[in-house]
Amino acid sequence: MNGILVIAHAPLASALRQCVLHVFPDAAPSVVAVDVLPQASPDESLQQARRAVTGMDMNHLLVLTDVFGATPCNVAQRLVEGAAARLVSGVSLPMLLRAVTYRHEPLDMLVSRAMAGGAQGIIPVSVTAPQNQNKRSHDQNHHDHQQ
């Protein structure tokens, strides 16, 4: 089974991990997060990332990062250098959910599935204005409140 590391600007990595564990609590051992703090040097963040993946097989590791070219991505590039691990930038919750769903597949397939999940997670949503929605007829005293 592949491991998944999310490395992103704090607190995004931990928040994404918590969201995915809400849906897949059994995935806790295979999904780790590293939040890159604003005051941390790249070397400190790299050491934190290395500690986070201790015990994980670097040949079966998918690393997801938030922004290409930013410190978390640069740290992740250094982490995976020379390993068969794969790195994808632009992490989102749909991408991470898809990766966790298919974490048992070969690493190259997992990368494709994760990227497809990220792309397919971008959906234009049509919103119906509240005045066009059906009122609940059984509640005579119901009032819509907007905050």
N, C-alpha and C. Protein backbone atom coordinates (compact mmCIF):
# COMPACT_ATOMS: atom_id res chain seq x y z
N MET A 1 0.85 -1.18 0.00
CA MET A 1 0.00 0.00 0.00
C MET A 1 0.89 1.24 0.00
N ASN A 2 0.44 2.26 -0.72
CA ASN A 2 1.17 3.52 -0.80
C ASN A 2 0.89 4.39 0.41
N GLY A 3 1.88 5.16 0.78
CA GLY A 3 1.70 6.19 1.79
C GLY A 3 1.45 7.52 1.10
N ILE A 4 0.83 8.43 1.83
CA ILE A 4 0.54 9.76 1.29
C ILE A 4 1.01 10.80 2.29
N LEU A 5 1.83 11.73 1.80
CA LEU A 5 2.28 12.86 2.60
C LEU A 5 1.71 14.13 2.00
N VAL A 6 1.06 14.92 2.84
CA VAL A 6 0.61 16.24 2.44
C VAL A 6 1.53 17.24 3.12
N ILE A 7 2.18 18.06 2.32
CA ILE A 7 3.05 19.10 2.86
C ILE A 7 2.59 20.42 2.27
N ALA A 8 2.19 21.35 3.17
CA ALA A 8 1.58 22.59 2.71
C ALA A 8 1.79 23.68 3.76
N HIS A 9 1.46 24.89 3.36
CA HIS A 9 1.51 26.01 4.30
C HIS A 9 0.57 25.73 5.47
N ALA A 10 1.05 26.02 6.68
CA ALA A 10 0.25 25.78 7.90
C ALA A 10 -1.02 26.64 7.85
N PRO A 11 -2.14 26.10 8.25
CA PRO A 11 -2.45 24.77 8.78
C PRO A 11 -3.08 23.85 7.74
N LEU A 12 -2.87 24.12 6.47
CA LEU A 12 -3.59 23.40 5.41
C LEU A 12 -3.33 21.90 5.41
N ALA A 13 -2.09 21.48 5.56
CA ALA A 13 -1.79 20.04 5.51
C ALA A 13 -2.54 19.28 6.59
N SER A 14 -2.46 19.76 7.83
CA SER A 14 -3.16 19.09 8.93
C SER A 14 -4.67 19.14 8.76
N ALA A 15 -5.17 20.26 8.27
CA ALA A 15 -6.62 20.39 8.06
C ALA A 15 -7.10 19.39 7.01
N LEU A 16 -6.37 19.26 5.91
CA LEU A 16 -6.75 18.30 4.88
C LEU A 16 -6.71 16.88 5.43
N ARG A 17 -5.69 16.57 6.20
CA ARG A 17 -5.59 15.23 6.80
C ARG A 17 -6.79 14.97 7.71
N GLN A 18 -7.14 15.93 8.53
CA GLN A 18 -8.29 15.74 9.43
C GLN A 18 -9.58 15.54 8.64
N CYS A 19 -9.74 16.26 7.56
CA CYS A 19 -10.94 16.09 6.73
C CYS A 19 -11.00 14.70 6.12
N VAL A 20 -9.87 14.22 5.60
CA VAL A 20 -9.87 12.91 4.97
C VAL A 20 -10.08 11.81 6.01
N LEU A 21 -9.57 12.00 7.22
CA LEU A 21 -9.78 10.99 8.27
C LEU A 21 -11.22 10.99 8.77
N HIS A 22 -11.94 12.07 8.57
CA HIS A 22 -13.37 12.10 8.89
C HIS A 22 -14.11 11.10 8.01
N VAL A 23 -13.69 10.98 6.76
CA VAL A 23 -14.32 10.07 5.80
C VAL A 23 -13.69 8.67 5.86
N PHE A 24 -12.37 8.62 6.02
CA PHE A 24 -11.63 7.36 6.02
C PHE A 24 -10.79 7.24 7.29
N PRO A 25 -11.40 6.99 8.45
CA PRO A 25 -10.62 6.93 9.69
C PRO A 25 -9.56 5.83 9.68
N ASP A 26 -9.77 4.78 8.90
CA ASP A 26 -8.79 3.69 8.84
C ASP A 26 -7.52 4.07 8.08
N ALA A 27 -7.51 5.21 7.41
CA ALA A 27 -6.36 5.64 6.62
C ALA A 27 -5.31 6.37 7.45
N ALA A 28 -5.55 6.55 8.73
CA ALA A 28 -4.64 7.35 9.57
C ALA A 28 -3.17 6.93 9.46
N PRO A 29 -2.84 5.64 9.48
CA PRO A 29 -1.42 5.29 9.40
C PRO A 29 -0.76 5.61 8.06
N SER A 30 -1.54 5.70 7.00
CA SER A 30 -0.96 5.89 5.67
C SER A 30 -1.02 7.33 5.16
N VAL A 31 -1.63 8.23 5.92
CA VAL A 31 -1.72 9.64 5.52
C VAL A 31 -1.08 10.50 6.59
N VAL A 32 -0.02 11.20 6.22
CA VAL A 32 0.67 12.07 7.17
C VAL A 32 0.68 13.49 6.62
N ALA A 33 0.82 14.44 7.53
CA ALA A 33 0.79 15.85 7.14
C ALA A 33 1.96 16.59 7.76
N VAL A 34 2.48 17.53 7.00
CA VAL A 34 3.51 18.43 7.49
C VAL A 34 3.07 19.85 7.16
N ASP A 35 2.85 20.62 8.21
CA ASP A 35 2.51 22.04 8.05
C ASP A 35 3.80 22.85 8.07
N VAL A 36 4.04 23.59 7.01
CA VAL A 36 5.23 24.44 6.94
C VAL A 36 4.88 25.78 7.57
N LEU A 37 5.55 26.06 8.67
CA LEU A 37 5.29 27.29 9.42
C LEU A 37 6.03 28.46 8.78
N PRO A 38 5.47 29.68 8.90
CA PRO A 38 6.09 30.83 8.24
C PRO A 38 7.52 31.12 8.72
N GLN A 39 7.80 30.87 9.97
CA GLN A 39 9.12 31.20 10.52
C GLN A 39 10.13 30.06 10.35
N ALA A 40 9.69 28.90 9.89
CA ALA A 40 10.59 27.74 9.74
C ALA A 40 11.43 27.89 8.48
N SER A 41 12.69 27.51 8.59
CA SER A 41 13.57 27.53 7.42
C SER A 41 13.25 26.30 6.56
N PRO A 42 13.61 26.35 5.29
CA PRO A 42 13.41 25.17 4.45
C PRO A 42 14.11 23.93 5.01
N ASP A 43 15.29 24.10 5.59
CA ASP A 43 16.00 22.95 6.16
C ASP A 43 15.24 22.37 7.35
N GLU A 44 14.66 23.22 8.18
CA GLU A 44 13.86 22.74 9.32
C GLU A 44 12.63 21.99 8.81
N SER A 45 11.99 22.53 7.79
CA SER A 45 10.80 21.88 7.23
C SER A 45 11.16 20.55 6.59
N LEU A 46 12.32 20.48 5.95
CA LEU A 46 12.75 19.22 5.36
C LEU A 46 12.99 18.17 6.44
N GLN A 47 13.60 18.55 7.53
CA GLN A 47 13.81 17.62 8.64
C GLN A 47 12.47 17.15 9.21
N GLN A 48 11.53 18.06 9.32
CA GLN A 48 10.18 17.70 9.81
C GLN A 48 9.53 16.70 8.85
N ALA A 49 9.67 16.93 7.56
CA ALA A 49 9.09 16.02 6.56
C ALA A 49 9.75 14.65 6.63
N ARG A 50 11.06 14.63 6.79
CA ARG A 50 11.77 13.34 6.90
C ARG A 50 11.31 12.56 8.12
N ARG A 51 11.11 13.26 9.22
CA ARG A 51 10.60 12.59 10.43
C ARG A 51 9.18 12.06 10.20
N ALA A 52 8.38 12.82 9.48
CA ALA A 52 6.99 12.42 9.24
C ALA A 52 6.88 11.14 8.43
N VAL A 53 7.83 10.92 7.52
CA VAL A 53 7.75 9.73 6.66
C VAL A 53 8.64 8.59 7.15
N THR A 54 9.19 8.73 8.35
CA THR A 54 9.99 7.64 8.91
C THR A 54 9.13 6.39 8.97
N GLY A 55 9.66 5.32 8.44
CA GLY A 55 8.94 4.05 8.44
C GLY A 55 8.09 3.85 7.19
N MET A 56 7.93 4.89 6.37
CA MET A 56 7.18 4.75 5.12
C MET A 56 8.16 4.40 4.01
N ASP A 57 7.70 3.63 3.05
CA ASP A 57 8.52 3.23 1.92
C ASP A 57 8.54 4.37 0.90
N MET A 58 9.70 4.98 0.70
CA MET A 58 9.83 6.11 -0.22
C MET A 58 9.56 5.69 -1.67
N ASN A 59 9.57 4.40 -1.94
CA ASN A 59 9.25 3.93 -3.29
C ASN A 59 7.75 3.74 -3.48
N HIS A 60 7.00 3.95 -2.43
CA HIS A 60 5.55 3.83 -2.48
C HIS A 60 4.93 5.01 -1.74
N LEU A 61 5.40 6.21 -2.09
CA LEU A 61 4.95 7.42 -1.41
C LEU A 61 4.48 8.45 -2.42
N LEU A 62 3.27 8.94 -2.22
CA LEU A 62 2.73 10.05 -3.00
C LEU A 62 2.80 11.29 -2.12
N VAL A 63 3.47 12.31 -2.60
CA VAL A 63 3.59 13.56 -1.87
C VAL A 63 2.74 14.60 -2.57
N LEU A 64 1.84 15.20 -1.82
CA LEU A 64 0.96 16.24 -2.35
C LEU A 64 1.30 17.56 -1.68
N THR A 65 1.45 18.60 -2.46
CA THR A 65 1.80 19.91 -1.92
C THR A 65 0.85 20.96 -2.49
N ASP A 66 0.83 22.12 -1.85
CA ASP A 66 -0.18 23.11 -2.21
C ASP A 66 0.16 23.95 -3.43
N VAL A 67 1.27 24.66 -3.43
CA VAL A 67 1.57 25.61 -4.49
C VAL A 67 2.92 25.31 -5.11
N PHE A 68 2.94 25.09 -6.40
CA PHE A 68 4.20 24.86 -7.10
C PHE A 68 5.11 26.07 -6.94
N GLY A 69 6.36 25.82 -6.60
CA GLY A 69 7.35 26.88 -6.48
C GLY A 69 7.43 27.50 -5.10
N ALA A 70 6.48 27.21 -4.23
CA ALA A 70 6.49 27.75 -2.87
C ALA A 70 7.35 26.84 -1.98
N THR A 71 7.64 27.30 -0.78
CA THR A 71 8.51 26.56 0.12
C THR A 71 8.07 25.11 0.34
N PRO A 72 6.78 24.83 0.62
CA PRO A 72 6.41 23.42 0.82
C PRO A 72 6.75 22.54 -0.40
N CYS A 73 6.53 23.04 -1.59
CA CYS A 73 6.84 22.28 -2.79
C CYS A 73 8.34 22.11 -2.95
N ASN A 74 9.09 23.15 -2.68
CA ASN A 74 10.55 23.06 -2.77
C ASN A 74 11.11 22.05 -1.77
N VAL A 75 10.55 22.05 -0.56
CA VAL A 75 10.96 21.09 0.46
C VAL A 75 10.60 19.67 0.00
N ALA A 76 9.40 19.51 -0.55
CA ALA A 76 8.96 18.20 -1.02
C ALA A 76 9.85 17.69 -2.15
N GLN A 77 10.28 18.59 -3.02
CA GLN A 77 11.18 18.18 -4.10
C GLN A 77 12.49 17.64 -3.54
N ARG A 78 13.01 18.29 -2.53
CA ARG A 78 14.24 17.81 -1.90
C ARG A 78 14.01 16.47 -1.20
N LEU A 79 12.82 16.30 -0.61
CA LEU A 79 12.50 15.06 0.09
C LEU A 79 12.48 13.87 -0.85
N VAL A 80 11.88 14.02 -2.01
CA VAL A 80 11.70 12.89 -2.93
C VAL A 80 12.86 12.70 -3.89
N GLU A 81 13.81 13.62 -3.89
CA GLU A 81 14.93 13.54 -4.81
C GLU A 81 15.66 12.19 -4.65
N GLY A 82 15.81 11.49 -5.77
CA GLY A 82 16.51 10.22 -5.76
C GLY A 82 15.66 9.03 -5.36
N ALA A 83 14.41 9.25 -5.01
CA ALA A 83 13.51 8.16 -4.62
C ALA A 83 12.47 7.96 -5.72
N ALA A 84 11.77 6.86 -5.66
CA ALA A 84 10.71 6.60 -6.64
C ALA A 84 9.40 7.26 -6.23
N ALA A 85 9.41 7.98 -5.12
CA ALA A 85 8.21 8.70 -4.68
C ALA A 85 7.75 9.65 -5.77
N ARG A 86 6.47 9.98 -5.77
CA ARG A 86 5.91 10.90 -6.76
C ARG A 86 5.40 12.13 -6.06
N LEU A 87 5.51 13.28 -6.71
CA LEU A 87 5.14 14.58 -6.17
C LEU A 87 4.14 15.25 -7.08
N VAL A 88 3.03 15.71 -6.50
CA VAL A 88 2.01 16.43 -7.26
C VAL A 88 1.68 17.71 -6.50
N SER A 89 1.65 18.82 -7.22
CA SER A 89 1.32 20.11 -6.63
C SER A 89 -0.15 20.45 -6.92
N GLY A 90 -0.73 21.29 -6.08
CA GLY A 90 -2.12 21.73 -6.28
C GLY A 90 -3.11 20.91 -5.46
N VAL A 91 -2.69 20.42 -4.31
CA VAL A 91 -3.55 19.54 -3.50
C VAL A 91 -4.87 20.22 -3.15
N SER A 92 -5.91 19.42 -3.17
CA SER A 92 -7.25 19.84 -2.74
C SER A 92 -7.89 18.66 -2.01
N LEU A 93 -8.98 18.93 -1.32
CA LEU A 93 -9.65 17.83 -0.64
C LEU A 93 -10.15 16.77 -1.62
N PRO A 94 -10.76 17.13 -2.76
CA PRO A 94 -11.16 16.07 -3.70
C PRO A 94 -9.97 15.24 -4.19
N MET A 95 -8.82 15.88 -4.40
CA MET A 95 -7.63 15.15 -4.83
C MET A 95 -7.19 14.18 -3.75
N LEU A 96 -7.15 14.64 -2.52
CA LEU A 96 -6.69 13.80 -1.41
C LEU A 96 -7.67 12.65 -1.16
N LEU A 97 -8.96 12.92 -1.21
CA LEU A 97 -9.96 11.85 -1.03
C LEU A 97 -9.79 10.78 -2.10
N ARG A 98 -9.56 11.19 -3.33
CA ARG A 98 -9.37 10.22 -4.41
C ARG A 98 -8.09 9.42 -4.18
N ALA A 99 -7.03 10.09 -3.74
CA ALA A 99 -5.77 9.39 -3.48
C ALA A 99 -5.94 8.35 -2.38
N VAL A 100 -6.64 8.71 -1.33
CA VAL A 100 -6.83 7.77 -0.23
C VAL A 100 -7.70 6.59 -0.68
N THR A 101 -8.69 6.88 -1.49
CA THR A 101 -9.56 5.82 -1.99
C THR A 101 -8.78 4.77 -2.78
N TYR A 102 -7.80 5.21 -3.55
CA TYR A 102 -7.05 4.31 -4.43
C TYR A 102 -5.62 4.09 -3.97
N ARG A 103 -5.34 4.24 -2.69
CA ARG A 103 -3.96 4.13 -2.20
C ARG A 103 -3.39 2.72 -2.34
N HIS A 104 -4.21 1.73 -2.64
CA HIS A 104 -3.73 0.36 -2.81
C HIS A 104 -3.24 0.08 -4.24
N GLU A 105 -3.51 0.99 -5.15
CA GLU A 105 -3.12 0.79 -6.55
C GLU A 105 -1.65 1.13 -6.76
N PRO A 106 -1.05 0.69 -7.87
CA PRO A 106 0.34 1.05 -8.17
C PRO A 106 0.52 2.58 -8.16
N LEU A 107 1.69 3.02 -7.78
CA LEU A 107 1.95 4.44 -7.57
C LEU A 107 1.62 5.30 -8.79
N ASP A 108 2.00 4.86 -9.98
CA ASP A 108 1.69 5.65 -11.18
C ASP A 108 0.19 5.80 -11.40
N MET A 109 -0.56 4.74 -11.13
CA MET A 109 -2.02 4.81 -11.25
C MET A 109 -2.58 5.72 -10.18
N LEU A 110 -2.03 5.66 -8.98
CA LEU A 110 -2.47 6.52 -7.88
C LEU A 110 -2.30 7.99 -8.24
N VAL A 111 -1.17 8.32 -8.85
CA VAL A 111 -0.93 9.71 -9.27
C VAL A 111 -2.02 10.15 -10.25
N SER A 112 -2.32 9.31 -11.23
CA SER A 112 -3.36 9.64 -12.22
C SER A 112 -4.71 9.81 -11.56
N ARG A 113 -5.04 8.92 -10.64
CA ARG A 113 -6.34 9.00 -9.95
C ARG A 113 -6.43 10.27 -9.11
N ALA A 114 -5.35 10.60 -8.41
CA ALA A 114 -5.34 11.81 -7.57
C ALA A 114 -5.53 13.06 -8.43
N MET A 115 -4.81 13.13 -9.53
CA MET A 115 -4.93 14.30 -10.40
C MET A 115 -6.33 14.40 -11.01
N ALA A 116 -6.90 13.28 -11.37
CA ALA A 116 -8.26 13.28 -11.91
C ALA A 116 -9.25 13.74 -10.83
N GLY A 117 -9.04 13.29 -9.60
CA GLY A 117 -9.91 13.72 -8.51
C GLY A 117 -9.84 15.22 -8.29
N GLY A 118 -8.64 15.78 -8.39
CA GLY A 118 -8.49 17.22 -8.24
C GLY A 118 -9.20 17.97 -9.35
N ALA A 119 -9.02 17.52 -10.60
CA ALA A 119 -9.65 18.19 -11.73
C ALA A 119 -11.17 18.03 -11.70
N GLN A 120 -11.63 16.83 -11.39
CA GLN A 120 -13.08 16.58 -11.37
C GLN A 120 -13.76 17.20 -10.17
N GLY A 121 -12.97 17.61 -9.18
CA GLY A 121 -13.53 18.28 -8.01
C GLY A 121 -13.86 19.74 -8.26
N ILE A 122 -13.48 20.25 -9.42
CA ILE A 122 -13.79 21.64 -9.79
C ILE A 122 -15.05 21.61 -10.63
N ILE A 123 -16.15 22.06 -10.04
CA ILE A 123 -17.46 21.95 -10.68
C ILE A 123 -18.20 23.27 -10.52
N PRO A 124 -18.67 23.88 -11.61
CA PRO A 124 -19.51 25.07 -11.46
C PRO A 124 -20.86 24.65 -10.87
N VAL A 125 -21.30 25.38 -9.86
CA VAL A 125 -22.53 25.03 -9.17
C VAL A 125 -23.56 26.13 -9.40
N SER A 126 -24.71 25.74 -9.87
CA SER A 126 -25.81 26.68 -10.05
C SER A 126 -26.56 26.80 -8.72
N VAL A 127 -26.79 28.01 -8.30
CA VAL A 127 -27.44 28.24 -7.02
C VAL A 127 -28.82 28.82 -7.26
N THR A 128 -29.81 28.24 -6.62
CA THR A 128 -31.18 28.75 -6.69
C THR A 128 -31.35 29.78 -5.60
N ALA A 129 -31.83 30.94 -5.97
CA ALA A 129 -32.05 32.00 -4.99
C ALA A 129 -33.10 31.56 -3.98
N PRO A 130 -32.95 31.94 -2.70
CA PRO A 130 -33.91 31.51 -1.67
C PRO A 130 -35.36 31.82 -2.01
N GLN A 131 -35.64 32.94 -2.69
CA GLN A 131 -37.02 33.28 -3.01
C GLN A 131 -37.64 32.31 -4.01
N ASN A 132 -36.82 31.52 -4.70
CA ASN A 132 -37.33 30.56 -5.67
C ASN A 132 -37.46 29.16 -5.10
N GLN A 133 -37.07 28.97 -3.86
CA GLN A 133 -37.16 27.66 -3.25
C GLN A 133 -38.54 27.46 -2.65
N ASN A 134 -38.98 26.22 -2.63
CA ASN A 134 -40.28 25.90 -2.05
C ASN A 134 -40.25 26.15 -0.55
N LYS A 135 -41.27 26.81 -0.06
CA LYS A 135 -41.41 27.04 1.39
C LYS A 135 -41.99 25.78 2.02
N ARG A 136 -41.64 25.57 3.28
CA ARG A 136 -42.20 24.43 4.00
C ARG A 136 -43.62 24.79 4.42
N SER A 137 -44.59 24.13 3.85
CA SER A 137 -45.98 24.47 4.10
C SER A 137 -46.45 24.03 5.48
N HIS A 138 -45.76 23.06 6.09
CA HIS A 138 -46.22 22.56 7.38
C HIS A 138 -45.79 23.46 8.53
N ASP A 139 -44.93 24.41 8.28
CA ASP A 139 -44.44 25.28 9.35
C ASP A 139 -44.90 26.71 9.07
N GLN A 140 -46.02 27.09 9.65
CA GLN A 140 -46.61 28.41 9.42
C GLN A 140 -45.72 29.55 9.96
N ASN A 141 -44.93 29.26 10.99
CA ASN A 141 -44.13 30.33 11.62
C ASN A 141 -42.66 30.29 11.19
N HIS A 142 -42.37 29.57 10.14
CA HIS A 142 -40.97 29.45 9.67
C HIS A 142 -40.53 30.75 9.01
N HIS A 143 -39.38 31.22 9.37
CA HIS A 143 -38.78 32.41 8.74
C HIS A 143 -37.36 32.06 8.29
N ASP A 144 -37.06 32.42 7.06
CA ASP A 144 -35.69 32.22 6.59
C ASP A 144 -34.80 33.29 7.17
N HIS A 145 -33.64 32.89 7.66
CA HIS A 145 -32.69 33.84 8.20
C HIS A 145 -31.38 33.72 7.43
N GLN A 146 -30.85 34.86 7.09
CA GLN A 146 -29.56 34.88 6.45
C GLN A 146 -28.57 35.48 7.42
N GLN A 147 -27.39 34.92 7.46
CA GLN A 147 -26.35 35.46 8.34
C GLN A 147 -25.19 35.94 7.54
